[in-house]
Amino acid sequence: MRDNAPWFVAADIAAALGYSRARDAIQAHCKGAVKYRIPTTGGVQMASIIPERDVYRLIMRSKLPQAEQFEEWVVAEVLPSIRKTGGYIQAGPEDTPETIMAKAVLVADKTIKELHMQNVHANAGTLSFWLKNVRKTFSTNMLTAQ
């Protein structure tokens, strides 16, 4: 995890996706690759790590059948759903409209809570500054009123 987001060892992902020249694939397709020190049994090693978006880039360019199936699913189902409805919720054959709606409500609730926490953290400094000024003003007014 880095910046509260998953990161992956680029060479491991490239190898799993069938790239014979992992370094070339990473250099050609990964826009966010970063060198990172990784402790191993043989000591600290330098490795390229990539964010989730670069994993998708490698998948989209892989020739493995499973990667091509994933790409087809993303471009045929997920992205059109996001364009049409603003989101994607995977529904199974047993899901009813009610269970799909319940899943959507859970996702929306989680999103609202995350946005609220982001706002709380973003405004924490502002609130602290405001409280200090209120206290200072209140103390000054109390002293001058005497």
Protein backbone atom coordinates (compact mmCIF):
# COMPACT_ATOMS: atom_id res chain seq x y z
CA MET A 1 0.00 0.00 0.00
CA ARG A 2 1.16 3.46 -0.86
CA ASP A 3 -0.96 6.59 -0.44
CA ASN A 4 -3.80 4.28 0.69
CA ALA A 5 -3.80 2.54 -2.69
CA PRO A 6 -2.52 -0.89 -3.73
CA TRP A 7 0.80 -1.08 -5.57
CA PHE A 8 2.26 -4.17 -7.20
CA VAL A 9 5.72 -5.50 -8.08
CA ALA A 10 5.76 -4.79 -11.81
CA ALA A 11 7.94 -7.76 -12.80
CA ASP A 12 5.60 -10.19 -10.99
CA ILE A 13 2.55 -8.81 -12.79
CA ALA A 14 4.30 -8.82 -16.17
CA ALA A 15 5.46 -12.42 -15.68
CA ALA A 16 1.98 -13.55 -14.63
CA LEU A 17 0.58 -11.97 -17.80
CA GLY A 18 2.99 -13.85 -20.04
CA TYR A 19 5.34 -11.05 -21.03
CA SER A 20 8.65 -12.62 -22.09
CA ARG A 21 10.46 -9.28 -21.73
CA ALA A 22 8.96 -7.86 -18.55
CA ARG A 23 11.28 -4.86 -18.37
CA ASP A 24 10.34 -3.78 -21.91
CA ALA A 25 6.62 -4.22 -21.19
CA ILE A 26 6.87 -2.17 -18.00
CA GLN A 27 8.79 0.60 -19.73
CA ALA A 28 6.39 0.66 -22.70
CA HIS A 29 3.07 0.45 -20.87
CA CYS A 30 3.44 1.58 -17.24
CA LYS A 31 3.16 5.32 -16.74
CA GLY A 32 3.34 5.29 -12.94
CA ALA A 33 6.20 2.86 -12.30
CA VAL A 34 8.41 3.82 -9.35
CA LYS A 35 11.63 2.25 -8.08
CA TYR A 36 11.16 0.94 -4.55
CA ARG A 37 13.36 -0.79 -1.98
CA ILE A 38 11.93 -4.18 -1.08
CA PRO A 39 13.41 -6.23 1.78
CA THR A 40 14.07 -9.85 0.78
CA THR A 41 15.87 -12.79 2.38
CA GLY A 42 18.89 -11.84 0.25
CA GLY A 43 18.86 -8.24 1.45
CA VAL A 44 17.20 -5.10 0.17
CA GLN A 45 16.41 -5.22 -3.55
CA MET A 46 15.32 -2.42 -5.88
CA ALA A 47 12.17 -3.21 -7.81
CA SER A 48 9.72 -1.31 -9.95
CA ILE A 49 6.30 -1.07 -8.38
CA ILE A 50 3.20 0.00 -10.26
CA PRO A 51 -0.19 1.40 -9.28
CA GLU A 52 -3.42 -0.41 -10.06
CA ARG A 53 -3.99 1.59 -13.25
CA ASP A 54 -0.74 0.21 -14.69
CA VAL A 55 -1.80 -3.35 -13.86
CA TYR A 56 -4.82 -2.73 -16.08
CA ARG A 57 -2.59 -1.32 -18.82
CA LEU A 58 -0.48 -4.49 -18.76
CA ILE A 59 -3.60 -6.68 -18.78
CA MET A 60 -5.08 -4.81 -21.74
CA ARG A 61 -1.93 -5.41 -23.79
CA SER A 62 -1.31 -9.01 -22.76
CA LYS A 63 -1.99 -11.79 -25.27
CA LEU A 64 -2.99 -14.37 -22.66
CA PRO A 65 -6.53 -15.64 -23.32
CA GLN A 66 -7.64 -14.75 -19.77
CA ALA A 67 -6.28 -11.21 -20.17
CA GLU A 68 -8.09 -10.84 -23.48
CA GLN A 69 -11.31 -12.08 -21.83
CA PHE A 70 -10.84 -9.53 -19.05
CA GLU A 71 -10.28 -6.76 -21.59
CA GLU A 72 -13.41 -7.77 -23.51
CA TRP A 73 -15.47 -7.77 -20.29
CA VAL A 74 -14.18 -4.29 -19.36
CA VAL A 75 -14.80 -2.72 -22.78
CA ALA A 76 -18.06 -4.57 -23.53
CA GLU A 77 -19.78 -4.53 -20.14
CA VAL A 78 -18.13 -2.38 -17.45
CA LEU A 79 -17.27 0.80 -19.37
CA PRO A 80 -20.60 0.99 -21.25
CA SER A 81 -22.45 0.53 -17.95
CA ILE A 82 -20.46 3.35 -16.35
CA ARG A 83 -21.13 5.60 -19.35
CA LYS A 84 -24.87 4.84 -19.35
CA THR A 85 -25.59 4.75 -15.62
CA GLY A 86 -22.62 6.35 -13.89
CA GLY A 87 -21.54 3.11 -12.24
CA TYR A 88 -21.14 -0.64 -12.47
CA ILE A 89 -22.46 -3.28 -10.12
CA GLN A 90 -21.87 -6.89 -10.99
CA ALA A 91 -25.15 -8.77 -10.79
CA GLY A 92 -25.49 -12.51 -10.77
CA PRO A 93 -28.28 -14.47 -12.44
CA GLU A 94 -29.97 -14.94 -9.06
CA ASP A 95 -29.98 -11.20 -8.28
CA THR A 96 -33.33 -9.46 -8.34
CA PRO A 97 -33.76 -5.74 -8.99
CA GLU A 98 -34.12 -5.34 -5.22
CA THR A 99 -30.81 -7.06 -4.41
CA ILE A 100 -29.05 -5.04 -7.12
CA MET A 101 -30.51 -1.85 -5.61
CA ALA A 102 -29.39 -2.96 -2.14
CA LYS A 103 -25.84 -3.42 -3.45
CA ALA A 104 -25.98 0.05 -5.00
CA VAL A 105 -27.17 1.58 -1.72
CA LEU A 106 -24.27 -0.07 0.15
CA VAL A 107 -21.78 1.31 -2.39
CA ALA A 108 -23.35 4.76 -2.18
CA ASP A 109 -23.28 4.69 1.63
CA LYS A 110 -19.60 3.73 1.65
CA THR A 111 -18.80 6.48 -0.87
CA ILE A 112 -20.64 9.09 1.17
CA LYS A 113 -18.78 8.06 4.34
CA GLU A 114 -15.41 8.21 2.54
CA LEU A 115 -16.20 11.67 1.11
CA HIS A 116 -17.30 12.85 4.55
CA MET A 117 -14.02 11.69 6.08
CA GLN A 118 -12.05 13.39 3.30
CA ASN A 119 -13.93 16.62 4.02
CA VAL A 120 -13.33 16.26 7.75
CA HIS A 121 -9.59 15.82 7.18
CA ALA A 122 -9.46 18.63 4.63
CA ASN A 123 -11.27 21.04 6.93
CA ALA A 124 -9.53 20.01 10.15
CA GLY A 125 -6.90 22.71 9.76
CA THR A 126 -9.51 25.34 8.94
CA LEU A 127 -11.64 24.37 11.94
CA SER A 128 -8.62 24.45 14.23
CA PHE A 129 -7.68 27.93 12.96
CA TRP A 130 -11.28 29.12 13.41
CA LEU A 131 -11.49 27.77 16.97
CA LYS A 132 -8.21 29.47 17.94
CA ASN A 133 -9.49 32.79 16.62
CA VAL A 134 -12.83 32.40 18.39
CA ARG A 135 -11.04 31.65 21.67
CA LYS A 136 -8.65 34.56 21.17
CA THR A 137 -11.51 36.94 20.31
CA PHE A 138 -13.60 35.67 23.22
CA SER A 139 -10.67 36.09 25.65
CA THR A 140 -9.93 39.60 24.36
CA ASN A 141 -13.58 40.64 24.60
CA MET A 142 -13.85 39.27 28.13
CA LEU A 143 -10.74 41.20 29.21
CA THR A 144 -11.90 44.47 27.67
CA ALA A 145 -15.40 44.11 29.15
CA GLN A 146 -13.99 44.19 32.68
